[in-house]
Structures are given as structure tokens and as C-alpha cells.
Amino acid sequence: MKLMGDLFNNRGYIDGITIIDLKGEILFTAKFNNKLNCDNCENYEIVGKNFFDVYENLNRDNSTIYKAMELGVPIYIDSQILKSAGRKEIKISSLSIPIKSGKKIVGAIDLSISEEDETNDDYIEISSETFEKNNVDKLSNVGNRAKYVSDNIITNNKKMLELKDYIKIAAGCDLPVLIYGETGTGKELFAHAIHNESKRKNKPFIAQNCAAIPENLLESILFGTSKGAFTGAVDNVGLLELANGGTIFLDEINSMPLHLQSKMLRVLQDGSFRSIGSKELKTVDVKIITSINEEPLKAIAEGRLRKDVYYRLNVLNINIPPLRERKDDILLLVNFYISRYNKIFNKNVKYISTDLCERLQQYDWPGNVRELENIIAYGVSVVDKSKIKLEFSDIKQRFDELIKMNGNDEVNIESLNDMVENYEKSLIKKVLMQTDNNVTKASKILKIPRQTLQRKAKQYNLI
């Protein structure tokens, strides 16, 4: 026994059966059979009629049931449109199977499921077009090579489209690039795209997160070591030499120790450096792309970024807006991630509820695109294989956890009148205390009539 899980969008049932003979006469139907469909007792008898007279948009070339009889094999189609006379179009998935009597084909049976109830105002249809054009899962990450290109940056946002255009400018010269963006905005994606747009695209692309390596190891990893530099040290090539001729991407450079930043300053100036323990001055030809996940001027003021390094890096800069400032991209990204995780989890989500879409639009996404991807991946992973709709209820638990984790719990906000009254009361109380409850002196300080102050003080039970 084999379960046919892939048929009918993993729904596990059908709601239509049609049997015809070689002449096209309908011998049996379940979709409009009142004995089988008690919820719709409309009398719409089609048995005895010609198949093409009933379904006016079909012919011998596009009808699966006719093709099954003609070819003698079962034919399955996903999302076929049916239009019967005097009725609205419906969308079905169907399996047409030829019927034999002895060795002769005498007709065919069509098993189908209707999807017309899904396309209403409560749901938005998911398109896989963006995913098929930008399926990054098909991209290979071979050795020290950049994986992504500018087309993999999914956006319709005006600011983001301008940044995509700027990639060509940043890639067209050897000047360093500083990419600023909050965590999860896609800084490394831009770094890959810049390299792949440049003349260095066939040369090494080396990426290193400066926050991921302990301070005492980062220097040796970047600049390499010379034998005898310290106990157990051997000649070891650093990342700068590995990137020679290509690009090095230093992510979160604000996490790099300041003394290493000063050493990087020399590399930025003329490409020269010394490995640890070596007297030899080495030179590399490398394009340097760096990223920072906080405002650069704030990092400078708080001692996490050297000002001279910033000026060297900030010749070309890319400032990626957070997702909360480009919410017009949310539905596009949701389309992409649902299509992606449908393939990964073998699901068939085709619709997203408008309620879920509105919730996603209302949230501020402190974790940006990465956080959105995670919540969609979770939703697709937990939704039943027989479902083709993603609802808010599917992600509610994880969504509530995110809100709580990010400190965005709903709070009771006072009305403006209450806030004004509370402030007025505290101010009057403070001035009365300063003047030993002398209403005349207090009214002069507050610059209001004595009678008004006396009335308000009594109102607030202050005198």
C-alpha cells in the first residue's frame, strides 16, 4: 500500500467525480449529484449531457479526461479552471484515469477537488514566482566564493531599489565599502552582491564575523602568524592573504578591538601589514567591505569604532533600512519564504489569511528580515500537510513569544486627559509644598489666577 500524498495538494479527499464515455456523454457526476451533495440541493442534473456542452471552456486539447482516454494513461493537473454554463469559474485539481473493458478503452473517470472556496477576501493567494526566480537554495557555495547576486535581494521598496542600483557603483572601484544596518537586514547579502558585480567576482570572497572570534585569536586569524611568534606558533596564512586579489568582508567591525582597528588602518591605506611575530612587510590587493550593526557615530562616541578607521571606510556607504521602514516588502518576502519552506517541509501552502498579513504589517520586526523568515518557517513547519492556508493561529504561539521577548507586550495607555491631569496634579502639589501651601505665592509661580489654583487644589484633594 502506498499513500498518494502529493495528489490533490495533500488534502486527502476529493469532492468531485465525473465519468464519461468515448462520445463525451456524462454517465455519472458527484459534484452536482443531490444524493451525494446534501449541502447543495440545487437541481443541476448534467447526466446524459455532453461534457463539452456543460464545461464551455474545455475542448479535446485542454481537457485532461479526454487526454486520458486518448493516451490511455492517467493524467493529473493542478489548478485547472472549469467554467460551466450559467455558473462562475471554479479552480480544481483533478486526476483523470481511462476506463477499459477488456483491452478496449470505453471511457474515463475524473477525480477532482475544488479550490474555489479558498479565493475570497479573507485570504491572499501566494505566488511562487519570486522564489522560482531567486531560489538561493540552488546556489552552490563552493570554497571561498560569494554566493549571492543583487537579484537575490528581494524588494519593491524605493529606498532598497536605489541601494541595489548603488551596488554597481560600489563594485566598480577598489575603494572600501561600509554597510550599516540593524541585525537581520541582509548586510552580508549586499557584500556578496558587491563582490559578484565586480571585476573580482572570480577571485576569493572571504567573510569573517568579528564578533564571533575571541579577541586574542582574531589578530592571528586576520593577519596570520609566523613560526616562533609564541609557543607552538607556526607559519600560518591569515584571511587577508587568502583574500588576495579578491574581497574580504569584515562583519560587525565595531566588535573588533581598537588596537586591531589601528592595524587595519594600514591595510586600508596601502594594503600592507605584518603577520604576528614577523618582521616582513606583506602587501595584498584586496577590496575591503565592512559592516556595522549600530549607528557609526554612536559607535565612535562610545569607543567601539576608531574615528580614523571610520573615515577610511566610509568613502562608499550603504545604509540598509530596517524592515519596519519598508513594510511594503513584507508580503513579497512572505511569498518568497512560504514558497521556500513549502519545498523544505514538503507542504503546499497556497494562501495566507488577511488577518495574519495584517498582524505581520503591524509588528515592528526588531530582528528584521531574519525574524520574519523565522516566523514564516515556523508556521509552514507546523501547518498540517492537508492544509493549503496559513492562518495567524498557526504562528500565534511563536508570535506571542517574540512580542514578549522583545518587550512589546501590550500595555494600558492612559488617555491624554488622564495624563494631563496627573501631570497638573503633581506640578501643583510640588509648588504648594515649596510655598508651604501658600496659594497666593503658588499661583504667582504657576502664573494662573489664585481662584483657579484654589479650585484645582481642592479638586485634587491637595488642600
Protein backbone atom coordinates (compact mmCIF):
# COMPACT_ATOMS: atom_id res chain seq x y z
CA MET A 1 0.00 0.00 0.00
CA LYS A 2 1.32 3.43 -0.96
CA LEU A 3 -0.11 6.75 0.22
CA MET A 4 -0.51 9.23 -2.63
CA GLY A 5 0.39 12.26 -0.52
CA ASP A 6 1.29 14.53 -3.40
CA LEU A 7 -2.09 14.36 -5.12
CA PHE A 8 -4.79 16.98 -4.61
CA ASN A 9 -2.45 19.31 -2.69
CA ASN A 10 -2.15 16.81 0.18
CA ARG A 11 -5.83 17.37 1.00
CA GLY A 12 -6.56 13.66 1.42
CA TYR A 13 -10.02 13.74 -0.16
CA ILE A 14 -11.96 14.64 -3.32
CA ASP A 15 -15.26 16.44 -3.81
CA GLY A 16 -15.94 15.64 -7.46
CA ILE A 17 -16.30 12.55 -9.65
CA THR A 18 -17.19 12.60 -13.33
CA ILE A 19 -17.46 9.58 -15.65
CA ILE A 20 -17.82 9.96 -19.43
CA ASP A 21 -17.84 7.60 -22.39
CA LEU A 22 -15.88 7.90 -25.63
CA LYS A 23 -18.53 10.18 -27.13
CA GLY A 24 -18.25 12.59 -24.24
CA GLU A 25 -21.61 11.76 -22.68
CA ILE A 26 -21.62 12.27 -18.92
CA LEU A 27 -22.60 8.93 -17.31
CA PHE A 28 -22.16 9.94 -13.68
CA THR A 29 -21.27 13.04 -11.65
CA ALA A 30 -20.75 13.52 -7.92
CA LYS A 31 -20.10 17.27 -7.76
CA PHE A 32 -23.70 18.11 -8.74
CA ASN A 33 -25.37 14.89 -7.60
CA ASN A 34 -28.00 15.75 -4.99
CA LYS A 35 -27.85 12.30 -3.41
CA LEU A 36 -24.16 12.81 -2.59
CA ASN A 37 -24.15 16.57 -2.04
CA CYS A 38 -26.87 17.25 0.52
CA ASP A 39 -25.45 20.67 1.43
CA ASN A 40 -26.35 21.96 -2.03
CA CYS A 41 -29.70 20.58 -3.08
CA GLU A 42 -29.97 22.74 -6.17
CA ASN A 43 -31.26 20.66 -9.05
CA TYR A 44 -28.50 20.75 -11.63
CA GLU A 45 -28.75 17.47 -13.49
CA ILE A 46 -25.99 17.02 -16.09
CA VAL A 47 -26.02 13.24 -16.53
CA GLY A 48 -26.75 12.47 -20.17
CA LYS A 49 -25.38 15.77 -21.43
CA ASN A 50 -22.20 16.19 -23.47
CA PHE A 51 -19.12 17.04 -21.42
CA PHE A 52 -18.15 20.00 -23.62
CA ASP A 53 -21.69 21.38 -23.58
CA VAL A 54 -21.51 21.57 -19.79
CA TYR A 55 -17.91 22.84 -19.45
CA GLU A 56 -17.75 25.53 -22.10
CA ASN A 57 -14.09 26.47 -21.59
CA LEU A 58 -12.79 22.92 -22.28
CA ASN A 59 -12.05 21.14 -25.55
CA ARG A 60 -10.27 17.98 -26.70
CA ASP A 61 -6.88 19.68 -26.46
CA ASN A 62 -7.05 21.05 -22.90
CA SER A 63 -9.34 18.51 -21.22
CA THR A 64 -7.44 16.01 -19.05
CA ILE A 65 -10.29 13.50 -19.12
CA TYR A 66 -10.19 13.40 -22.94
CA LYS A 67 -6.39 13.25 -22.95
CA ALA A 68 -6.54 10.28 -20.56
CA MET A 69 -8.81 8.41 -23.00
CA GLU A 70 -6.70 9.43 -25.99
CA LEU A 71 -3.33 8.47 -24.47
CA GLY A 72 -4.54 5.57 -22.35
CA VAL A 73 -2.74 6.75 -19.20
CA PRO A 74 -3.74 8.64 -16.03
CA ILE A 75 -3.23 12.42 -16.17
CA TYR A 76 -3.01 14.72 -13.15
CA ILE A 77 -3.33 18.51 -13.28
CA ASP A 78 -3.06 21.09 -10.53
CA SER A 79 -5.22 24.25 -10.64
CA GLN A 80 -7.36 23.75 -13.75
CA ILE A 81 -10.14 26.25 -14.46
CA LEU A 82 -13.68 24.93 -15.09
CA LYS A 83 -16.48 27.14 -16.43
CA SER A 84 -19.93 25.64 -16.76
CA ALA A 85 -22.79 27.42 -18.48
CA GLY A 86 -24.50 29.96 -16.25
CA ARG A 87 -22.05 29.42 -13.35
CA LYS A 88 -18.93 31.13 -12.11
CA GLU A 89 -15.48 29.74 -12.81
CA ILE A 90 -14.04 27.27 -10.33
CA LYS A 91 -10.48 26.07 -9.89
CA ILE A 92 -9.88 22.35 -9.43
CA SER A 93 -7.08 19.81 -9.20
CA SER A 94 -8.02 16.59 -10.97
CA LEU A 95 -6.82 13.09 -11.74
CA SER A 96 -8.24 11.61 -14.96
CA ILE A 97 -7.99 7.83 -15.43
CA PRO A 98 -9.01 5.86 -18.55
CA ILE A 99 -11.60 3.07 -18.14
CA LYS A 100 -11.11 -0.20 -20.02
CA SER A 101 -13.45 -3.02 -20.91
CA GLY A 102 -11.18 -5.91 -21.78
CA LYS A 103 -8.38 -4.31 -23.79
CA LYS A 104 -10.52 -1.50 -25.14
CA ILE A 105 -10.81 1.99 -23.65
CA VAL A 106 -14.51 2.77 -23.20
CA GLY A 107 -14.40 6.00 -21.20
CA ALA A 108 -12.68 7.80 -18.36
CA ILE A 109 -13.23 8.81 -14.75
CA ASP A 110 -12.15 12.16 -13.36
CA LEU A 111 -11.50 12.63 -9.62
CA SER A 112 -11.23 16.25 -8.56
CA ILE A 113 -11.14 18.69 -5.67
CA SER A 114 -12.41 22.24 -5.89
CA GLU A 115 -10.46 25.20 -4.58
CA GLU A 116 -13.00 27.89 -5.31
CA ASP A 117 -13.78 28.39 -1.61
CA GLU A 118 -10.20 29.49 -0.90
CA THR A 119 -10.12 32.55 -3.15
CA ASN A 120 -12.13 35.07 -1.13
CA ASP A 121 -11.49 38.34 0.63
CA ASP A 122 -10.22 36.58 3.77
CA TYR A 123 -7.20 35.08 2.03
CA ILE A 124 -4.37 36.26 -0.19
CA GLU A 125 -3.01 33.86 -2.79
CA ILE A 126 0.68 33.08 -2.58
CA SER A 127 2.76 33.35 -5.72
CA SER A 128 5.91 31.24 -6.06
CA GLU A 129 7.22 33.34 -8.96
CA THR A 130 9.64 35.36 -6.82
CA PHE A 131 11.04 32.19 -5.26
CA GLU A 132 11.49 30.42 -8.58
CA LYS A 133 13.44 33.40 -9.92
CA ASN A 134 15.54 33.74 -6.75
CA ASN A 135 15.86 30.21 -5.39
CA VAL A 136 19.03 30.71 -3.37
CA ASP A 137 18.87 27.10 -2.19
CA LYS A 138 20.04 26.08 -5.67
CA LEU A 139 23.12 28.29 -5.42
CA SER A 140 26.33 26.49 -4.61
CA ASN A 141 28.70 27.82 -2.00
CA VAL A 142 31.96 26.36 -3.29
CA GLY A 143 35.11 27.31 -1.41
CA ASN A 144 35.87 30.97 -0.87
CA ARG A 145 33.30 32.30 -3.31
CA ALA A 146 30.42 34.74 -2.92
CA LYS A 147 27.05 33.07 -3.19
CA TYR A 148 24.51 35.84 -3.77
CA VAL A 149 23.94 38.40 -6.50
CA SER A 150 21.90 41.61 -6.50
CA ASP A 151 18.85 39.82 -7.96
CA ASN A 152 18.68 37.79 -4.74
CA ILE A 153 17.83 40.97 -2.83
CA ILE A 154 14.04 40.74 -2.79
CA THR A 155 12.35 44.12 -2.66
CA ASN A 156 9.89 46.51 -4.23
CA ASN A 157 10.78 49.29 -1.80
CA LYS A 158 12.02 52.51 -3.41
CA LYS A 159 14.93 53.01 -0.99
CA MET A 160 16.05 49.39 -1.34
CA LEU A 161 15.85 49.55 -5.13
CA GLU A 162 18.13 52.62 -5.03
CA LEU A 163 20.59 50.65 -2.89
CA LYS A 164 20.51 47.76 -5.37
CA ASP A 165 21.44 50.20 -8.11
CA TYR A 166 24.28 51.53 -5.92
CA ILE A 167 25.80 48.04 -5.76
CA LYS A 168 27.20 48.56 -9.27
CA ILE A 169 28.85 51.81 -8.19
CA ALA A 170 30.36 50.22 -5.08
CA ALA A 171 31.56 47.26 -7.15
CA GLY A 172 33.04 49.38 -9.92
CA CYS A 173 36.10 50.50 -7.96
CA ASP A 174 38.54 49.21 -5.35
CA LEU A 175 37.53 51.68 -2.61
CA PRO A 176 36.33 50.21 0.72
CA VAL A 177 32.62 49.97 1.48
CA LEU A 178 30.87 50.40 4.83
CA ILE A 179 27.46 48.74 5.14
CA TYR A 180 25.27 49.89 8.02
CA GLY A 181 22.14 48.03 9.03
CA GLU A 182 20.50 46.52 12.07
CA THR A 183 20.87 42.81 12.76
CA GLY A 184 18.93 40.75 10.23
CA THR A 185 18.65 43.37 7.48
CA GLY A 186 20.83 41.50 4.98
CA LYS A 187 24.25 43.17 5.19
CA GLU A 188 26.14 40.06 4.08
CA LEU A 189 23.77 39.69 1.12
CA PHE A 190 24.87 43.13 -0.10
CA ALA A 191 28.54 42.27 0.47
CA HIS A 192 28.21 39.12 -1.67
CA ALA A 193 26.39 41.08 -4.37
CA ILE A 194 29.07 43.79 -4.50
CA HIS A 195 31.80 41.19 -4.95
CA ASN A 196 29.88 39.30 -7.64
CA GLU A 197 29.21 42.53 -9.51
CA SER A 198 32.90 43.49 -9.52
CA LYS A 199 35.89 42.51 -11.65
CA ARG A 200 36.99 40.38 -8.67
CA LYS A 201 33.99 38.03 -8.90
CA ASN A 202 36.12 35.04 -9.91
CA LYS A 203 38.59 35.69 -7.09
CA PRO A 204 38.25 34.74 -3.39
CA PHE A 205 35.50 36.16 -1.21
CA ILE A 206 36.37 35.79 2.47
CA ALA A 207 33.79 36.65 5.15
CA GLN A 208 34.55 36.92 8.85
CA ASN A 209 32.27 37.99 11.69
CA CYS A 210 34.46 39.95 14.08
CA ALA A 211 32.10 39.29 16.99
CA ALA A 212 32.32 35.52 16.56
CA ILE A 213 36.05 35.21 17.33
CA PRO A 214 37.74 35.85 20.72
CA GLU A 215 39.90 38.99 20.72
CA ASN A 216 43.13 37.05 21.31
CA LEU A 217 42.52 34.91 18.21
CA LEU A 218 41.14 37.47 15.79
CA GLU A 219 44.53 39.08 15.08
CA SER A 220 46.17 35.78 14.14
CA ILE A 221 43.18 34.77 12.01
CA LEU A 222 43.23 38.04 10.07
CA PHE A 223 46.94 38.68 9.74
CA GLY A 224 48.41 35.19 10.10
CA THR A 225 51.30 34.03 12.29
CA SER A 226 55.00 33.48 11.91
CA LYS A 227 56.82 30.48 13.32
CA GLY A 228 58.13 31.21 16.81
CA ALA A 229 55.84 34.20 17.40
CA PHE A 230 54.57 32.43 20.51
CA THR A 231 54.74 28.95 21.99
CA GLY A 232 53.53 26.48 19.39
CA ALA A 233 53.16 29.11 16.67
CA VAL A 234 53.75 28.03 13.07
CA ASP A 235 53.74 29.86 9.75
CA ASN A 236 50.08 30.37 9.05
CA VAL A 237 48.42 32.44 6.33
CA GLY A 238 45.78 34.87 7.54
CA LEU A 239 42.46 35.75 5.94
CA LEU A 240 43.87 38.88 4.31
CA GLU A 241 46.35 36.81 2.32
CA LEU A 242 43.67 34.24 1.48
CA ALA A 243 41.56 37.07 0.06
CA ASN A 244 44.41 38.47 -2.04
CA GLY A 245 43.07 39.53 -5.43
CA GLY A 246 39.50 39.31 -4.18
CA THR A 247 37.33 40.70 -1.39
CA ILE A 248 37.33 40.42 2.39
CA PHE A 249 34.10 41.11 4.27
CA LEU A 250 34.52 42.04 7.93
CA ASP A 251 31.11 41.80 9.57
CA GLU A 252 30.44 43.80 12.74
CA ILE A 253 33.72 45.67 12.65
CA ASN A 254 32.56 47.58 15.72
CA SER A 255 33.26 44.34 17.64
CA MET A 256 36.91 44.38 16.55
CA PRO A 257 39.32 45.53 19.31
CA LEU A 258 40.58 49.08 18.80
CA HIS A 259 44.23 48.04 18.59
CA LEU A 260 43.33 45.72 15.68
CA GLN A 261 41.37 48.51 14.05
CA SER A 262 44.55 50.60 14.08
CA LYS A 263 46.40 47.73 12.39
CA MET A 264 43.60 47.51 9.80
CA LEU A 265 44.07 51.23 9.15
CA ARG A 266 47.42 50.47 7.49
CA VAL A 267 45.77 47.84 5.30
CA LEU A 268 43.13 50.36 4.28
CA GLN A 269 45.82 52.91 3.40
CA ASP A 270 48.17 50.82 1.25
CA GLY A 271 47.29 47.13 1.69
CA SER A 272 50.33 46.40 3.90
CA PHE A 273 50.62 44.56 7.23
CA ARG A 274 52.88 42.25 9.22
CA SER A 275 51.88 38.80 10.43
CA ILE A 276 52.20 38.17 14.16
CA GLY A 277 55.86 37.62 15.03
CA SER A 278 57.10 38.56 11.57
CA LYS A 279 59.31 41.49 10.55
CA GLU A 280 58.40 41.07 6.92
CA LEU A 281 56.04 43.68 5.49
CA LYS A 282 53.40 41.99 3.36
CA THR A 283 51.16 43.61 0.77
CA VAL A 284 47.81 42.41 -0.52
CA ASP A 285 45.46 43.58 -3.25
CA VAL A 286 42.08 43.23 -1.60
CA LYS A 287 38.79 45.10 -1.61
CA ILE A 288 37.58 45.62 1.93
CA ILE A 289 33.88 45.58 2.74
CA THR A 290 32.86 46.08 6.35
CA SER A 291 29.55 46.18 8.15
CA ILE A 292 28.33 47.69 11.38
CA ASN A 293 25.07 46.95 13.20
CA GLU A 294 24.77 50.25 15.09
CA GLU A 295 24.94 53.92 14.19
CA PRO A 296 28.62 54.55 13.29
CA LEU A 297 28.76 57.91 15.10
CA LYS A 298 27.35 56.28 18.24
CA ALA A 299 29.98 53.52 18.00
CA ILE A 300 32.69 56.18 17.71
CA ALA A 301 31.35 58.17 20.68
CA GLU A 302 31.17 55.06 22.85
CA GLY A 303 34.65 53.85 21.89
CA ARG A 304 33.82 50.87 19.70
CA LEU A 305 35.00 52.34 16.40
CA ARG A 306 38.06 54.45 15.68
CA LYS A 307 37.24 57.73 14.00
CA ASP A 308 40.15 57.46 11.56
CA VAL A 309 39.07 53.94 10.55
CA TYR A 310 35.52 55.19 10.04
CA TYR A 311 36.69 57.96 7.72
CA ARG A 312 38.71 55.45 5.69
CA LEU A 313 35.81 53.01 5.45
CA ASN A 314 33.03 55.47 4.82
CA VAL A 315 34.08 56.52 1.31
CA LEU A 316 31.29 54.36 -0.08
CA ASN A 317 28.45 53.53 2.27
CA ILE A 318 25.22 51.56 2.11
CA ASN A 319 22.59 52.24 4.76
CA ILE A 320 20.06 49.38 4.74
CA PRO A 321 16.67 50.42 6.18
CA PRO A 322 15.12 48.18 8.83
CA LEU A 323 12.05 46.15 7.89
CA ARG A 324 9.76 48.44 9.91
CA GLU A 325 10.65 51.21 7.43
CA ARG A 326 9.96 49.06 4.36
CA LYS A 327 6.77 47.26 5.30
CA ASP A 328 5.72 47.35 1.66
CA ASP A 329 8.17 44.44 1.23
CA ILE A 330 6.58 42.19 3.86
CA LEU A 331 4.03 40.46 1.62
CA LEU A 332 6.65 39.97 -1.10
CA LEU A 333 9.02 38.38 1.42
CA VAL A 334 6.21 36.24 2.85
CA ASN A 335 5.52 34.93 -0.67
CA PHE A 336 9.20 34.05 -1.05
CA TYR A 337 9.58 32.34 2.32
CA ILE A 338 6.35 30.35 2.11
CA SER A 339 7.41 29.06 -1.30
CA ARG A 340 10.87 28.24 0.04
CA TYR A 341 9.69 26.37 3.13
CA ASN A 342 6.93 24.60 1.22
CA LYS A 343 9.75 22.81 -0.61
CA ILE A 344 11.82 22.22 2.51
CA PHE A 345 8.94 20.81 4.60
CA ASN A 346 7.06 19.26 1.65
CA LYS A 347 3.99 21.41 2.31
CA ASN A 348 1.59 23.07 -0.10
CA VAL A 349 0.56 26.39 1.48
CA LYS A 350 -1.10 28.47 -1.22
CA TYR A 351 -2.90 31.15 0.77
CA ILE A 352 -2.24 33.45 3.71
CA SER A 353 -5.10 34.84 5.77
CA THR A 354 -5.63 38.59 5.68
CA ASP A 355 -5.64 38.53 9.48
CA LEU A 356 -2.13 37.08 9.54
CA CYS A 357 -1.00 39.57 6.90
CA GLU A 358 -2.32 42.47 8.97
CA ARG A 359 -0.55 41.19 12.10
CA LEU A 360 2.72 40.93 10.21
CA GLN A 361 2.27 44.50 8.97
CA GLN A 362 1.56 45.84 12.47
CA TYR A 363 4.64 44.28 14.11
CA ASP A 364 7.87 46.33 14.13
CA TRP A 365 10.29 43.43 13.47
CA PRO A 366 13.30 44.31 15.65
CA GLY A 367 15.02 41.23 14.19
CA ASN A 368 14.15 42.45 10.69
CA VAL A 369 14.01 40.13 7.66
CA ARG A 370 15.69 37.27 9.53
CA GLU A 371 12.99 37.39 12.19
CA LEU A 372 10.24 37.41 9.53
CA GLU A 373 11.81 34.40 7.82
CA ASN A 374 11.95 32.51 11.11
CA ILE A 375 8.28 33.08 11.91
CA ILE A 376 7.17 32.01 8.42
CA ALA A 377 9.43 28.94 8.54
CA TYR A 378 7.86 28.00 11.87
CA GLY A 379 4.34 28.49 10.52
CA VAL A 380 4.92 26.34 7.45
CA SER A 381 6.61 23.66 9.56
CA VAL A 382 3.65 23.23 11.94
CA VAL A 383 0.76 23.57 9.46
CA ASP A 384 -0.89 20.26 8.59
CA LYS A 385 0.09 18.78 5.24
CA SER A 386 -3.55 18.71 4.19
CA LYS A 387 -3.92 22.48 4.67
CA ILE A 388 -3.24 24.99 1.93
CA LYS A 389 -3.85 28.08 4.08
CA LEU A 390 -1.55 29.68 6.65
CA GLU A 391 -3.53 31.33 9.47
CA PHE A 392 -2.49 33.55 12.36
CA SER A 393 -3.44 30.72 14.71
CA ASP A 394 -0.62 28.66 13.16
CA ILE A 395 2.04 31.09 14.37
CA LYS A 396 0.30 32.70 17.36
CA GLN A 397 2.34 30.88 19.99
CA ARG A 398 5.67 31.81 18.40
CA PHE A 399 4.44 35.34 17.62
CA ASP A 400 3.46 35.91 21.26
CA GLU A 401 6.91 34.69 22.34
CA LEU A 402 8.58 37.21 20.02
CA ILE A 403 6.48 40.07 21.35
CA LYS A 404 7.27 39.09 24.94
CA MET A 405 10.99 38.61 24.22
CA ASN A 406 11.25 42.00 22.52
CA GLY A 407 9.42 43.78 25.30
CA ASN A 408 6.48 44.71 23.08
CA ASP A 409 3.74 43.43 25.38
CA GLU A 410 0.56 45.38 25.04
CA VAL A 411 0.25 47.99 27.80
CA ASN A 412 -2.67 50.04 29.01
CA ILE A 413 -2.01 53.52 27.69
CA GLU A 414 -3.60 56.33 29.65
CA SER A 415 -5.87 58.72 27.85
CA LEU A 416 -4.47 62.16 27.07
CA ASN A 417 -6.85 63.77 29.60
CA ASP A 418 -5.66 61.42 32.36
CA MET A 419 -2.01 62.10 31.56
CA VAL A 420 -2.58 65.87 31.61
CA GLU A 421 -4.46 65.69 34.89
CA ASN A 422 -1.77 63.56 36.54
CA TYR A 423 0.95 65.95 35.41
CA GLU A 424 -1.05 69.00 36.54
CA LYS A 425 -1.71 67.44 39.93
CA SER A 426 1.96 66.59 40.52
CA LEU A 427 3.08 70.08 39.46
CA ILE A 428 0.57 71.86 41.73
CA LYS A 429 1.49 69.57 44.63
CA LYS A 430 5.20 70.32 44.15
CA VAL A 431 4.71 74.12 44.08
CA LEU A 432 2.37 74.10 47.08
CA MET A 433 5.00 72.18 49.05
CA GLN A 434 7.65 74.74 48.07
CA THR A 435 5.42 77.60 49.28
CA ASP A 436 4.15 75.87 52.46
CA ASN A 437 0.66 75.71 50.94
CA ASN A 438 0.56 79.46 50.35
CA VAL A 439 -1.94 79.61 47.50
CA THR A 440 -1.17 83.24 46.64
CA LYS A 441 2.59 82.59 46.23
CA ALA A 442 1.97 79.32 44.39
CA SER A 443 -0.44 80.96 41.93
CA LYS A 444 2.21 83.57 41.08
CA ILE A 445 4.84 80.86 40.42
CA LEU A 446 2.40 78.90 38.27
CA LYS A 447 1.19 82.12 36.60
CA ILE A 448 -2.51 81.29 36.99
CA PRO A 449 -5.27 83.12 38.89
CA ARG A 450 -5.44 82.41 42.65
CA GLN A 451 -9.07 81.30 42.37
CA THR A 452 -8.16 78.79 39.60
CA LEU A 453 -5.35 77.28 41.67
CA GLN A 454 -7.57 77.03 44.74
CA ARG A 455 -10.27 75.24 42.73
CA LYS A 456 -7.79 72.79 41.17
CA ALA A 457 -6.06 72.12 44.50
CA LYS A 458 -9.42 71.22 46.06
CA GLN A 459 -10.28 69.10 43.01
CA TYR A 460 -7.10 67.07 43.52
CA ASN A 461 -7.53 66.95 47.34
CA LEU A 462 -4.29 68.87 47.86
CA ILE A 463 -5.74 71.39 50.37
